[in-house]
Amino acid sequence: MKVQTIDVDGAPALVVLPIDEWQAMQARLEELEDIIDGRSAQEEETFPAGFVDRLLAGESPLRVWREHRGMTLQVLAERCETSRQMLSMVENQRARPSADLLARLARALNCATNDLHDTRT
């Protein structure tokens, strides 16, 4: 690769290279960006249609997420340091979770707290 360096105030500031080498570098950069984008897309979580259908039908978001993660009420309660009865009451709209409990639930279920907000009323 033929590169010419141009100094400004005694320090390297600019590089000049043949256009064909520049174009080859651009092509390689685009390929690398595509690879990174592909890997990022593979890391994103996807959800089965049944999961989405249950949420759209108005089912308890906490119940849908809990079952999607394969947890019983007891297991989730233990992970969140609360009672199974409390979680049952939240799932059935007989109690509202505190902000602290909501944060613990989101951590245990690996989702955002907003994903657990129950909009049924």
PDB file of N, CA and C in Angstrom:
ATOM      1  N   MET A   1       0.854  -1.168   0.000  1.00  0.00           N
ATOM      2  CA  MET A   1       0.000   0.000   0.000  1.00  0.00           C
ATOM      3  C   MET A   1       0.902   1.233   0.000  1.00  0.00           C
ATOM      4  N   LYS A   2       0.671   2.091  -0.956  1.00  0.00           N
ATOM      5  CA  LYS A   2       1.423   3.346  -1.046  1.00  0.00           C
ATOM      6  C   LYS A   2       0.646   4.427  -0.310  1.00  0.00           C
ATOM      7  N   VAL A   3       1.254   4.938   0.740  1.00  0.00           N
ATOM      8  CA  VAL A   3       0.612   5.960   1.554  1.00  0.00           C
ATOM      9  C   VAL A   3       1.544   7.146   1.682  1.00  0.00           C
ATOM     10  N   GLN A   4       0.963   8.336   1.527  1.00  0.00           N
ATOM     11  CA  GLN A   4       1.724   9.569   1.724  1.00  0.00           C
ATOM     12  C   GLN A   4       1.159  10.251   2.967  1.00  0.00           C
ATOM     13  N   THR A   5       2.023  10.577   3.898  1.00  0.00           N
ATOM     14  CA  THR A   5       1.612  11.253   5.122  1.00  0.00           C
ATOM     15  C   THR A   5       1.929  12.733   5.005  1.00  0.00           C
ATOM     16  N   ILE A   6       0.968  13.553   5.393  1.00  0.00           N
ATOM     17  CA  ILE A   6       1.143  15.005   5.363  1.00  0.00           C
ATOM     18  C   ILE A   6       1.154  15.500   6.805  1.00  0.00           C
ATOM     19  N   ASP A   7       2.207  16.226   7.143  1.00  0.00           N
ATOM     20  CA  ASP A   7       2.344  16.776   8.490  1.00  0.00           C
ATOM     21  C   ASP A   7       1.743  18.176   8.555  1.00  0.00           C
ATOM     22  N   VAL A   8       1.164  18.476   9.682  1.00  0.00           N
ATOM     23  CA  VAL A   8       0.667  19.813   9.975  1.00  0.00           C
ATOM     24  C   VAL A   8       1.237  20.174  11.341  1.00  0.00           C
ATOM     25  N   ASP A   9       1.909  21.289  11.398  1.00  0.00           N
ATOM     26  CA  ASP A   9       2.563  21.735  12.637  1.00  0.00           C
ATOM     27  C   ASP A   9       3.502  20.660  13.190  1.00  0.00           C
ATOM     28  N   GLY A  10       4.180  19.984  12.301  1.00  0.00           N
ATOM     29  CA  GLY A  10       5.188  19.001  12.695  1.00  0.00           C
ATOM     30  C   GLY A  10       4.658  17.651  13.138  1.00  0.00           C
ATOM     31  N   ALA A  11       3.361  17.427  13.001  1.00  0.00           N
ATOM     32  CA  ALA A  11       2.785  16.141  13.405  1.00  0.00           C
ATOM     33  C   ALA A  11       1.966  15.567  12.251  1.00  0.00           C
ATOM     34  N   PRO A  12       1.970  14.243  12.068  1.00  0.00           N
ATOM     35  CA  PRO A  12       1.172  13.639  11.005  1.00  0.00           C
ATOM     36  C   PRO A  12      -0.302  14.001  11.184  1.00  0.00           C
ATOM     37  N   ALA A  13      -0.929  14.490  10.115  1.00  0.00           N
ATOM     38  CA  ALA A  13      -2.315  14.936  10.202  1.00  0.00           C
ATOM     39  C   ALA A  13      -3.196  14.339   9.112  1.00  0.00           C
ATOM     40  N   LEU A  14      -2.618  14.070   7.940  1.00  0.00           N
ATOM     41  CA  LEU A  14      -3.403  13.575   6.813  1.00  0.00           C
ATOM     42  C   LEU A  14      -2.665  12.432   6.133  1.00  0.00           C
ATOM     43  N   VAL A  15      -3.452  11.570   5.473  1.00  0.00           N
ATOM     44  CA  VAL A  15      -2.872  10.471   4.712  1.00  0.00           C
ATOM     45  C   VAL A  15      -3.480  10.494   3.319  1.00  0.00           C
ATOM     46  N   VAL A  16      -2.641  10.324   2.322  1.00  0.00           N
ATOM     47  CA  VAL A  16      -3.089  10.247   0.931  1.00  0.00           C
ATOM     48  C   VAL A  16      -2.734   8.847   0.430  1.00  0.00           C
ATOM     49  N   LEU A  17      -3.702   8.176  -0.203  1.00  0.00           N
ATOM     50  CA  LEU A  17      -3.424   6.869  -0.766  1.00  0.00           C
ATOM     51  C   LEU A  17      -4.150   6.727  -2.096  1.00  0.00           C
ATOM     52  N   PRO A  18      -3.709   5.807  -2.941  1.00  0.00           N
ATOM     53  CA  PRO A  18      -4.344   5.631  -4.247  1.00  0.00           C
ATOM     54  C   PRO A  18      -5.826   5.273  -4.088  1.00  0.00           C
ATOM     55  N   ILE A  19      -6.639   5.742  -5.025  1.00  0.00           N
ATOM     56  CA  ILE A  19      -8.092   5.561  -4.949  1.00  0.00           C
ATOM     57  C   ILE A  19      -8.487   4.092  -4.922  1.00  0.00           C
ATOM     58  N   ASP A  20      -7.785   3.235  -5.687  1.00  0.00           N
ATOM     59  CA  ASP A  20      -8.147   1.820  -5.692  1.00  0.00           C
ATOM     60  C   ASP A  20      -7.914   1.182  -4.318  1.00  0.00           C
ATOM     61  N   GLU A  21      -6.884   1.615  -3.621  1.00  0.00           N
ATOM     62  CA  GLU A  21      -6.646   1.104  -2.280  1.00  0.00           C
ATOM     63  C   GLU A  21      -7.708   1.624  -1.308  1.00  0.00           C
ATOM     64  N   TRP A  22      -8.095   2.884  -1.488  1.00  0.00           N
ATOM     65  CA  TRP A  22      -9.160   3.461  -0.664  1.00  0.00           C
ATOM     66  C   TRP A  22     -10.467   2.686  -0.868  1.00  0.00           C
ATOM     67  N   GLN A  23     -10.810   2.402  -2.118  1.00  0.00           N
ATOM     68  CA  GLN A  23     -12.046   1.679  -2.416  1.00  0.00           C
ATOM     69  C   GLN A  23     -12.013   0.261  -1.841  1.00  0.00           C
ATOM     70  N   ALA A  24     -10.845  -0.386  -1.903  1.00  0.00           N
ATOM     71  CA  ALA A  24     -10.713  -1.727  -1.329  1.00  0.00           C
ATOM     72  C   ALA A  24     -10.902  -1.675   0.189  1.00  0.00           C
ATOM     73  N   MET A  25     -10.353  -0.658   0.822  1.00  0.00           N
ATOM     74  CA  MET A  25     -10.521  -0.505   2.272  1.00  0.00           C
ATOM     75  C   MET A  25     -11.993  -0.276   2.625  1.00  0.00           C
ATOM     76  N   GLN A  26     -12.664   0.546   1.824  1.00  0.00           N
ATOM     77  CA  GLN A  26     -14.085   0.817   2.058  1.00  0.00           C
ATOM     78  C   GLN A  26     -14.900  -0.469   1.943  1.00  0.00           C
ATOM     79  N   ALA A  27     -14.601  -1.274   0.920  1.00  0.00           N
ATOM     80  CA  ALA A  27     -15.325  -2.534   0.725  1.00  0.00           C
ATOM     81  C   ALA A  27     -15.110  -3.470   1.919  1.00  0.00           C
ATOM     82  N   ARG A  28     -13.882  -3.572   2.404  1.00  0.00           N
ATOM     83  CA  ARG A  28     -13.599  -4.422   3.570  1.00  0.00           C
ATOM     84  C   ARG A  28     -14.319  -3.905   4.813  1.00  0.00           C
ATOM     85  N   LEU A  29     -14.339  -2.591   4.970  1.00  0.00           N
ATOM     86  CA  LEU A  29     -15.030  -1.998   6.112  1.00  0.00           C
ATOM     87  C   LEU A  29     -16.523  -2.326   6.072  1.00  0.00           C
ATOM     88  N   GLU A  30     -17.135  -2.214   4.900  1.00  0.00           N
ATOM     89  CA  GLU A  30     -18.561  -2.529   4.773  1.00  0.00           C
ATOM     90  C   GLU A  30     -18.825  -3.994   5.098  1.00  0.00           C
ATOM     91  N   GLU A  31     -17.940  -4.887   4.657  1.00  0.00           N
ATOM     92  CA  GLU A  31     -18.094  -6.308   4.967  1.00  0.00           C
ATOM     93  C   GLU A  31     -18.021  -6.543   6.477  1.00  0.00           C
ATOM     94  N   LEU A  32     -17.077  -5.890   7.128  1.00  0.00           N
ATOM     95  CA  LEU A  32     -16.952  -6.037   8.580  1.00  0.00           C
ATOM     96  C   LEU A  32     -18.181  -5.495   9.307  1.00  0.00           C
ATOM     97  N   GLU A  33     -18.707  -4.376   8.833  1.00  0.00           N
ATOM     98  CA  GLU A  33     -19.915  -3.816   9.446  1.00  0.00           C
ATOM     99  C   GLU A  33     -21.089  -4.771   9.280  1.00  0.00           C
ATOM    100  N   ASP A  34     -21.199  -5.413   8.106  1.00  0.00           N
ATOM    101  CA  ASP A  34     -22.264  -6.390   7.876  1.00  0.00           C
ATOM    102  C   ASP A  34     -22.126  -7.580   8.822  1.00  0.00           C
ATOM    103  N   ILE A  35     -20.902  -8.030   9.034  1.00  0.00           N
ATOM    104  CA  ILE A  35     -20.666  -9.144   9.957  1.00  0.00           C
ATOM    105  C   ILE A  35     -21.091  -8.760  11.371  1.00  0.00           C
ATOM    106  N   ILE A  36     -20.712  -7.566  11.801  1.00  0.00           N
ATOM    107  CA  ILE A  36     -21.077  -7.091  13.145  1.00  0.00           C
ATOM    108  C   ILE A  36     -22.589  -6.967  13.271  1.00  0.00           C
ATOM    109  N   ASP A  37     -23.243  -6.396  12.246  1.00  0.00           N
ATOM    110  CA  ASP A  37     -24.698  -6.264  12.280  1.00  0.00           C
ATOM    111  C   ASP A  37     -25.367  -7.632  12.359  1.00  0.00           C
ATOM    112  N   GLY A  38     -24.845  -8.591  11.615  1.00  0.00           N
ATOM    113  CA  GLY A  38     -25.402  -9.943  11.639  1.00  0.00           C
ATOM    114  C   GLY A  38     -25.273 -10.588  12.998  1.00  0.00           C
ATOM    115  N   ARG A  39     -24.143 -10.408  13.627  1.00  0.00           N
ATOM    116  CA  ARG A  39     -23.940 -10.973  14.965  1.00  0.00           C
ATOM    117  C   ARG A  39     -24.860 -10.309  15.977  1.00  0.00           C
ATOM    118  N   SER A  40     -25.037  -9.001  15.855  1.00  0.00           N
ATOM    119  CA  SER A  40     -25.926  -8.289  16.779  1.00  0.00           C
ATOM    120  C   SER A  40     -27.354  -8.790  16.633  1.00  0.00           C
ATOM    121  N   ALA A  41     -27.784  -9.009  15.392  1.00  0.00           N
ATOM    122  CA  ALA A  41     -29.145  -9.491  15.153  1.00  0.00           C
ATOM    123  C   ALA A  41     -29.339 -10.883  15.743  1.00  0.00           C
ATOM    124  N   GLN A  42     -28.317 -11.713  15.697  1.00  0.00           N
ATOM    125  CA  GLN A  42     -28.418 -13.062  16.248  1.00  0.00           C
ATOM    126  C   GLN A  42     -28.514 -13.036  17.766  1.00  0.00           C
ATOM    127  N   GLU A  43     -27.973 -12.010  18.396  1.00  0.00           N
ATOM    128  CA  GLU A  43     -27.984 -11.917  19.849  1.00  0.00           C
ATOM    129  C   GLU A  43     -29.302 -11.378  20.391  1.00  0.00           C
ATOM    130  N   GLU A  44     -30.128 -10.770  19.538  1.00  0.00           N
ATOM    131  CA  GLU A  44     -31.398 -10.224  19.993  1.00  0.00           C
ATOM    132  C   GLU A  44     -32.363 -11.361  20.298  1.00  0.00           C
ATOM    133  N   GLU A  45     -33.095 -11.220  21.392  1.00  0.00           N
ATOM    134  CA  GLU A  45     -34.052 -12.249  21.766  1.00  0.00           C
ATOM    135  C   GLU A  45     -35.292 -12.136  20.892  1.00  0.00           C
ATOM    136  N   THR A  46     -35.801 -13.271  20.471  1.00  0.00           N
ATOM    137  CA  THR A  46     -37.051 -13.316  19.723  1.00  0.00           C
ATOM    138  C   THR A  46     -38.084 -14.037  20.583  1.00  0.00           C
ATOM    139  N   PHE A  47     -39.334 -13.819  20.266  1.00  0.00           N
ATOM    140  CA  PHE A  47     -40.411 -14.384  21.068  1.00  0.00           C
ATOM    141  C   PHE A  47     -41.370 -15.153  20.176  1.00  0.00           C
ATOM    142  N   PRO A  48     -41.873 -16.279  20.668  1.00  0.00           N
ATOM    143  CA  PRO A  48     -42.832 -17.049  19.875  1.00  0.00           C
ATOM    144  C   PRO A  48     -44.153 -16.297  19.744  1.00  0.00           C
ATOM    145  N   ALA A  49     -44.887 -16.629  18.704  1.00  0.00           N
ATOM    146  CA  ALA A  49     -46.162 -15.954  18.444  1.00  0.00           C
ATOM    147  C   ALA A  49     -47.117 -16.104  19.623  1.00  0.00           C
ATOM    148  N   GLY A  50     -47.114 -17.264  20.255  1.00  0.00           N
ATOM    149  CA  GLY A  50     -48.008 -17.483  21.388  1.00  0.00           C
ATOM    150  C   GLY A  50     -47.748 -16.523  22.534  1.00  0.00           C
ATOM    151  N   PHE A  51     -46.484 -16.209  22.762  1.00  0.00           N
ATOM    152  CA  PHE A  51     -46.095 -15.247  23.797  1.00  0.00           C
ATOM    153  C   PHE A  51     -46.713 -13.888  23.482  1.00  0.00           C
ATOM    154  N   VAL A  52     -46.525 -13.446  22.256  1.00  0.00           N
ATOM    155  CA  VAL A  52     -47.049 -12.141  21.829  1.00  0.00           C
ATOM    156  C   VAL A  52     -48.572 -12.144  21.854  1.00  0.00           C
ATOM    157  N   ASP A  53     -49.179 -13.229  21.367  1.00  0.00           N
ATOM    158  CA  ASP A  53     -50.641 -13.319  21.348  1.00  0.00           C
ATOM    159  C   ASP A  53     -51.223 -13.203  22.753  1.00  0.00           C
ATOM    160  N   ARG A  54     -50.584 -13.839  23.718  1.00  0.00           N
ATOM    161  CA  ARG A  54     -51.070 -13.775  25.098  1.00  0.00           C
ATOM    162  C   ARG A  54     -51.005 -12.350  25.638  1.00  0.00           C
ATOM    163  N   LEU A  55     -49.918 -11.647  25.350  1.00  0.00           N
ATOM    164  CA  LEU A  55     -49.812 -10.254  25.804  1.00  0.00           C
ATOM    165  C   LEU A  55     -50.864  -9.387  25.128  1.00  0.00           C
ATOM    166  N   LEU A  56     -51.040  -9.575  23.822  1.00  0.00           N
ATOM    167  CA  LEU A  56     -52.028  -8.780  23.089  1.00  0.00           C
ATOM    168  C   LEU A  56     -53.451  -9.081  23.535  1.00  0.00           C
ATOM    169  N   ALA A  57     -53.685 -10.294  24.001  1.00  0.00           N
ATOM    170  CA  ALA A  57     -55.014 -10.676  24.484  1.00  0.00           C
ATOM    171  C   ALA A  57     -55.300 -10.108  25.872  1.00  0.00           C
ATOM    172  N   GLY A  58     -54.293  -9.485  26.487  1.00  0.00           N
ATOM    173  CA  GLY A  58     -54.502  -8.844  27.781  1.00  0.00           C
ATOM    174  C   GLY A  58     -54.187  -9.711  28.980  1.00  0.00           C
ATOM    175  N   GLU A  59     -53.496 -10.814  28.760  1.00  0.00           N
ATOM    176  CA  GLU A  59     -53.106 -11.671  29.881  1.00  0.00           C
ATOM    177  C   GLU A  59     -52.060 -10.954  30.732  1.00  0.00           C
ATOM    178  N   SER A  60     -51.953 -11.345  31.967  1.00  0.00           N
ATOM    179  CA  SER A  60     -50.990 -10.743  32.890  1.00  0.00           C
ATOM    180  C   SER A  60     -49.576 -10.822  32.322  1.00  0.00           C
ATOM    181  N   PRO A  61     -48.931  -9.667  32.124  1.00  0.00           N
ATOM    182  CA  PRO A  61     -47.559  -9.697  31.607  1.00  0.00           C
ATOM    183  C   PRO A  61     -46.613 -10.487  32.514  1.00  0.00           C
ATOM    184  N   LEU A  62     -46.816 -10.388  33.811  1.00  0.00           N
ATOM    185  CA  LEU A  62     -45.959 -11.126  34.737  1.00  0.00           C
ATOM    186  C   LEU A  62     -46.107 -12.630  34.519  1.00  0.00           C
ATOM    187  N   ARG A  63     -47.339 -13.099  34.380  1.00  0.00           N
ATOM    188  CA  ARG A  63     -47.573 -14.527  34.163  1.00  0.00           C
ATOM    189  C   ARG A  63     -46.971 -14.976  32.827  1.00  0.00           C
ATOM    190  N   VAL A  64     -47.177 -14.182  31.784  1.00  0.00           N
ATOM    191  CA  VAL A  64     -46.663 -14.549  30.457  1.00  0.00           C
ATOM    192  C   VAL A  64     -45.143 -14.644  30.489  1.00  0.00           C
ATOM    193  N   TRP A  65     -44.483 -13.650  31.060  1.00  0.00           N
ATOM    194  CA  TRP A  65     -43.021 -13.666  31.148  1.00  0.00           C
ATOM    195  C   TRP A  65     -42.535 -14.813  32.027  1.00  0.00           C
ATOM    196  N   ARG A  66     -43.187 -15.018  33.160  1.00  0.00           N
ATOM    197  CA  ARG A  66     -42.766 -16.079  34.081  1.00  0.00           C
ATOM    198  C   ARG A  66     -42.848 -17.442  33.399  1.00  0.00           C
ATOM    199  N   GLU A  67     -43.958 -17.703  32.743  1.00  0.00           N
ATOM    200  CA  GLU A  67     -44.120 -18.987  32.072  1.00  0.00           C
ATOM    201  C   GLU A  67     -43.181 -19.112  30.875  1.00  0.00           C
ATOM    202  N   HIS A  68     -42.954 -18.003  30.181  1.00  0.00           N
ATOM    203  CA  HIS A  68     -42.010 -18.021  29.050  1.00  0.00           C
ATOM    204  C   HIS A  68     -40.611 -18.403  29.520  1.00  0.00           C
ATOM    205  N   ARG A  69     -40.246 -17.955  30.710  1.00  0.00           N
ATOM    206  CA  ARG A  69     -38.926 -18.274  31.268  1.00  0.00           C
ATOM    207  C   ARG A  69     -38.917 -19.636  31.964  1.00  0.00           C
ATOM    208  N   GLY A  70     -40.073 -20.309  31.992  1.00  0.00           N
ATOM    209  CA  GLY A  70     -40.136 -21.645  32.573  1.00  0.00           C
ATOM    210  C   GLY A  70     -40.064 -21.670  34.085  1.00  0.00           C
ATOM    211  N   MET A  71     -40.569 -20.631  34.730  1.00  0.00           N
ATOM    212  CA  MET A  71     -40.510 -20.550  36.191  1.00  0.00           C
ATOM    213  C   MET A  71     -41.881 -20.754  36.808  1.00  0.00           C
ATOM    214  N   THR A  72     -41.879 -21.392  37.955  1.00  0.00           N
ATOM    215  CA  THR A  72     -43.095 -21.465  38.760  1.00  0.00           C
ATOM    216  C   THR A  72     -43.167 -20.197  39.604  1.00  0.00           C
ATOM    217  N   LEU A  73     -44.339 -19.978  40.200  1.00  0.00           N
ATOM    218  CA  LEU A  73     -44.463 -18.837  41.112  1.00  0.00           C
ATOM    219  C   LEU A  73     -43.463 -18.954  42.252  1.00  0.00           C
ATOM    220  N   GLN A  74     -43.273 -20.170  42.760  1.00  0.00           N
ATOM    221  CA  GLN A  74     -42.373 -20.372  43.895  1.00  0.00           C
ATOM    222  C   GLN A  74     -40.931 -20.034  43.529  1.00  0.00           C
ATOM    223  N   VAL A  75     -40.475 -20.494  42.369  1.00  0.00           N
ATOM    224  CA  VAL A  75     -39.092 -20.224  41.944  1.00  0.00           C
ATOM    225  C   VAL A  75     -38.879 -18.728  41.764  1.00  0.00           C
ATOM    226  N   LEU A  76     -39.827 -18.062  41.094  1.00  0.00           N
ATOM    227  CA  LEU A  76     -39.693 -16.621  40.881  1.00  0.00           C
ATOM    228  C   LEU A  76     -39.733 -15.879  42.213  1.00  0.00           C
ATOM    229  N   ALA A  77     -40.606 -16.298  43.098  1.00  0.00           N
ATOM    230  CA  ALA A  77     -40.698 -15.655  44.417  1.00  0.00           C
ATOM    231  C   ALA A  77     -39.372 -15.766  45.165  1.00  0.00           C
ATOM    232  N   GLU A  78     -38.763 -16.936  45.117  1.00  0.00           N
ATOM    233  CA  GLU A  78     -37.476 -17.117  45.800  1.00  0.00           C
ATOM    234  C   GLU A  78     -36.398 -16.227  45.190  1.00  0.00           C
ATOM    235  N   ARG A  79     -36.385 -16.129  43.871  1.00  0.00           N
ATOM    236  CA  ARG A  79     -35.375 -15.289  43.214  1.00  0.00           C
ATOM    237  C   ARG A  79     -35.573 -13.810  43.521  1.00  0.00           C
ATOM    238  N   CYS A  80     -36.812 -13.436  43.777  1.00  0.00           N
ATOM    239  CA  CYS A  80     -37.116 -12.019  44.040  1.00  0.00           C
ATOM    240  C   CYS A  80     -37.262 -11.720  45.527  1.00  0.00           C
ATOM    241  N   GLU A  81     -37.051 -12.716  46.351  1.00  0.00           N
ATOM    242  CA  GLU A  81     -37.168 -12.560  47.804  1.00  0.00           C
ATOM    243  C   GLU A  81     -38.520 -11.984  48.207  1.00  0.00           C
ATOM    244  N   THR A  82     -39.558 -12.622  47.695  1.00  0.00           N
ATOM    245  CA  THR A  82     -40.922 -12.257  48.054  1.00  0.00           C
ATOM    246  C   THR A  82     -41.708 -13.555  48.195  1.00  0.00           C
ATOM    247  N   SER A  83     -42.991 -13.444  48.454  1.00  0.00           N
ATOM    248  CA  SER A  83     -43.792 -14.658  48.637  1.00  0.00           C
ATOM    249  C   SER A  83     -44.484 -15.062  47.337  1.00  0.00           C
ATOM    250  N   ARG A  84     -44.761 -16.353  47.251  1.00  0.00           N
ATOM    251  CA  ARG A  84     -45.508 -16.874  46.107  1.00  0.00           C
ATOM    252  C   ARG A  84     -46.902 -16.246  46.087  1.00  0.00           C
ATOM    253  N   GLN A  85     -47.467 -16.050  47.276  1.00  0.00           N
ATOM    254  CA  GLN A  85     -48.799 -15.458  47.373  1.00  0.00           C
ATOM    255  C   GLN A  85     -48.814 -14.032  46.820  1.00  0.00           C
ATOM    256  N   MET A  86     -47.768 -13.271  47.122  1.00  0.00           N
ATOM    257  CA  MET A  86     -47.695 -11.902  46.610  1.00  0.00           C
ATOM    258  C   MET A  86     -47.666 -11.901  45.088  1.00  0.00           C
ATOM    259  N   LEU A  87     -46.852 -12.770  44.503  1.00  0.00           N
ATOM    260  CA  LEU A  87     -46.777 -12.823  43.040  1.00  0.00           C
ATOM    261  C   LEU A  87     -48.102 -13.266  42.433  1.00  0.00           C
ATOM    262  N   SER A  88     -48.765 -14.195  43.083  1.00  0.00           N
ATOM    263  CA  SER A  88     -50.075 -14.632  42.605  1.00  0.00           C
ATOM    264  C   SER A  88     -51.063 -13.470  42.621  1.00  0.00           C
ATOM    265  N   MET A  89     -51.018 -12.691  43.686  1.00  0.00           N
ATOM    266  CA  MET A  89     -51.907 -11.529  43.780  1.00  0.00           C
ATOM    267  C   MET A  89     -51.590 -10.506  42.686  1.00  0.00           C
ATOM    268  N   VAL A  90     -50.313 -10.298  42.384  1.00  0.00           N
ATOM    269  CA  VAL A  90     -49.928  -9.359  41.321  1.00  0.00           C
ATOM    270  C   VAL A  90     -50.421  -9.883  39.975  1.00  0.00           C
ATOM    271  N   GLU A  91     -50.200 -11.169  39.727  1.00  0.00           N
ATOM    272  CA  GLU A  91     -50.635 -11.748  38.451  1.00  0.00           C
ATOM    273  C   GLU A  91     -52.142 -11.645  38.266  1.00  0.00           C
ATOM    274  N   ASN A  92     -52.892 -11.718  39.364  1.00  0.00           N
ATOM    275  CA  ASN A  92     -54.354 -11.695  39.288  1.00  0.00           C
ATOM    276  C   ASN A  92     -54.948 -10.333  39.606  1.00  0.00           C
ATOM    277  N   GLN A  93     -54.137  -9.302  39.587  1.00  0.00           N
ATOM    278  CA  GLN A  93     -54.558  -7.911  39.804  1.00  0.00           C
ATOM    279  C   GLN A  93     -55.190  -7.674  41.172  1.00  0.00           C
ATOM    280  N   ARG A  94     -54.783  -8.428  42.144  1.00  0.00           N
ATOM    281  CA  ARG A  94     -55.277  -8.187  43.498  1.00  0.00           C
ATOM    282  C   ARG A  94     -54.275  -7.375  44.299  1.00  0.00           C
ATOM    283  N   ALA A  95     -53.105  -7.129  43.713  1.00  0.00           N
ATOM    284  CA  ALA A  95     -52.078  -6.291  44.350  1.00  0.00           C
ATOM    285  C   ALA A  95     -51.222  -5.677  43.253  1.00  0.00           C
ATOM    286  N   ARG A  96     -50.668  -4.513  43.572  1.00  0.00           N
ATOM    287  CA  ARG A  96     -49.749  -3.850  42.639  1.00  0.00           C
ATOM    288  C   ARG A  96     -48.341  -3.961  43.210  1.00  0.00           C
ATOM    289  N   PRO A  97     -47.369  -4.316  42.374  1.00  0.00           N
ATOM    290  CA  PRO A  97     -46.006  -4.445  42.899  1.00  0.00           C
ATOM    291  C   PRO A  97     -45.385  -3.084  43.173  1.00  0.00           C
ATOM    292  N   SER A  98     -44.550  -3.029  44.187  1.00  0.00           N
ATOM    293  CA  SER A  98     -43.785  -1.805  44.445  1.00  0.00           C
ATOM    294  C   SER A  98     -42.754  -1.646  43.335  1.00  0.00           C
ATOM    295  N   ALA A  99     -42.185  -0.463  43.237  1.00  0.00           N
ATOM    296  CA  ALA A  99     -41.139  -0.228  42.229  1.00  0.00           C
ATOM    297  C   ALA A  99     -39.954  -1.155  42.467  1.00  0.00           C
ATOM    298  N   ASP A 100     -39.638  -1.391  43.736  1.00  0.00           N
ATOM    299  CA  ASP A 100     -38.522  -2.278  44.074  1.00  0.00           C
ATOM    300  C   ASP A 100     -38.809  -3.711  43.635  1.00  0.00           C
ATOM    301  N   LEU A 101     -40.009  -4.203  43.918  1.00  0.00           N
ATOM    302  CA  LEU A 101     -40.364  -5.564  43.512  1.00  0.00           C
ATOM    303  C   LEU A 101     -40.395  -5.672  41.994  1.00  0.00           C
ATOM    304  N   LEU A 102     -40.926  -4.662  41.341  1.00  0.00           N
ATOM    305  CA  LEU A 102     -40.967  -4.673  39.875  1.00  0.00           C
ATOM    306  C   LEU A 102     -39.556  -4.765  39.293  1.00  0.00           C
ATOM    307  N   ALA A 103     -38.619  -4.042  39.878  1.00  0.00           N
ATOM    308  CA  ALA A 103     -37.228  -4.095  39.411  1.00  0.00           C
ATOM    309  C   ALA A 103     -36.630  -5.482  39.638  1.00  0.00           C
ATOM    310  N   ARG A 104     -36.924  -6.088  40.791  1.00  0.00           N
ATOM    311  CA  ARG A 104     -36.402  -7.439  41.070  1.00  0.00           C
ATOM    312  C   ARG A 104     -37.011  -8.465  40.122  1.00  0.00           C
ATOM    313  N   LEU A 105     -38.298  -8.310  39.821  1.00  0.00           N
ATOM    314  CA  LEU A 105     -38.956  -9.211  38.874  1.00  0.00           C
ATOM    315  C   LEU A 105     -38.331  -9.093  37.487  1.00  0.00           C
ATOM    316  N   ALA A 106     -38.108  -7.862  37.060  1.00  0.00           N
ATOM    317  CA  ALA A 106     -37.514  -7.644  35.735  1.00  0.00           C
ATOM    318  C   ALA A 106     -36.125  -8.273  35.651  1.00  0.00           C
ATOM    319  N   ARG A 107     -35.340  -8.125  36.706  1.00  0.00           N
ATOM    320  CA  ARG A 107     -34.001  -8.749  36.713  1.00  0.00           C
ATOM    321  C   ARG A 107     -34.109 -10.266  36.636  1.00  0.00           C
ATOM    322  N   ALA A 108     -34.987 -10.831  37.434  1.00  0.00           N
ATOM    323  CA  ALA A 108     -35.132 -12.291  37.471  1.00  0.00           C
ATOM    324  C   ALA A 108     -35.657 -12.847  36.150  1.00  0.00           C
ATOM    325  N   LEU A 109     -36.503 -12.076  35.483  1.00  0.00           N
ATOM    326  CA  LEU A 109     -37.095 -12.526  34.221  1.00  0.00           C
ATOM    327  C   LEU A 109     -36.308 -12.055  33.001  1.00  0.00           C
ATOM    328  N   ASN A 110     -35.242 -11.291  33.240  1.00  0.00           N
ATOM    329  CA  ASN A 110     -34.400 -10.775  32.156  1.00  0.00           C
ATOM    330  C   ASN A 110     -35.228  -9.995  31.134  1.00  0.00           C
ATOM    331  N   CYS A 111     -35.957  -9.020  31.639  1.00  0.00           N
ATOM    332  CA  CYS A 111     -36.752  -8.151  30.770  1.00  0.00           C
ATOM    333  C   CYS A 111     -36.747  -6.746  31.376  1.00  0.00           C
ATOM    334  N   ALA A 112     -37.322  -5.807  30.672  1.00  0.00           N
ATOM    335  CA  ALA A 112     -37.412  -4.429  31.160  1.00  0.00           C
ATOM    336  C   ALA A 112     -38.604  -4.302  32.114  1.00  0.00           C
ATOM    337  N   THR A 113     -38.494  -3.398  33.055  1.00  0.00           N
ATOM    338  CA  THR A 113     -39.621  -3.203  33.975  1.00  0.00           C
ATOM    339  C   THR A 113     -40.879  -2.798  33.211  1.00  0.00           C
ATOM    340  N   ASN A 114     -40.724  -2.029  32.156  1.00  0.00           N
ATOM    341  CA  ASN A 114     -41.886  -1.628  31.351  1.00  0.00           C
ATOM    342  C   ASN A 114     -42.607  -2.830  30.756  1.00  0.00           C
ATOM    343  N   ASP A 115     -41.863  -3.910  30.496  1.00  0.00           N
ATOM    344  CA  ASP A 115     -42.486  -5.112  29.938  1.00  0.00           C
ATOM    345  C   ASP A 115     -43.445  -5.763  30.927  1.00  0.00           C
ATOM    346  N   LEU A 116     -43.298  -5.458  32.195  1.00  0.00           N
ATOM    347  CA  LEU A 116     -44.121  -6.089  33.226  1.00  0.00           C
ATOM    348  C   LEU A 116     -45.300  -5.236  33.669  1.00  0.00           C
ATOM    349  N   HIS A 117     -45.411  -4.012  33.169  1.00  0.00           N
ATOM    350  CA  HIS A 117     -46.532  -3.158  33.567  1.00  0.00           C
ATOM    351  C   HIS A 117     -47.833  -3.765  33.075  1.00  0.00           C
ATOM    352  N   ASP A 118     -48.735  -3.962  33.997  1.00  0.00           N
ATOM    353  CA  ASP A 118     -50.033  -4.556  33.693  1.00  0.00           C
ATOM    354  C   ASP A 118     -51.005  -3.432  33.372  1.00  0.00           C
ATOM    355  N   THR A 119     -51.456  -3.373  32.138  1.00  0.00           N
ATOM    356  CA  THR A 119     -52.360  -2.296  31.717  1.00  0.00           C
ATOM    357  C   THR A 119     -53.818  -2.732  31.773  1.00  0.00           C
ATOM    358  N   ARG A 120     -54.086  -3.931  32.277  1.00  0.00           N
ATOM    359  CA  ARG A 120     -55.477  -4.387  32.401  1.00  0.00           C
ATOM    360  C   ARG A 120     -56.144  -3.619  33.543  1.00  0.00           C
ATOM    361  N   THR A 121     -57.305  -3.098  33.301  1.00  0.00           N
ATOM    362  CA  THR A 121     -58.076  -2.455  34.380  1.00  0.00           C
ATOM    363  C   THR A 121     -59.535  -2.540  34.089  1.00  0.00           C
TER     364      THR A 121
END
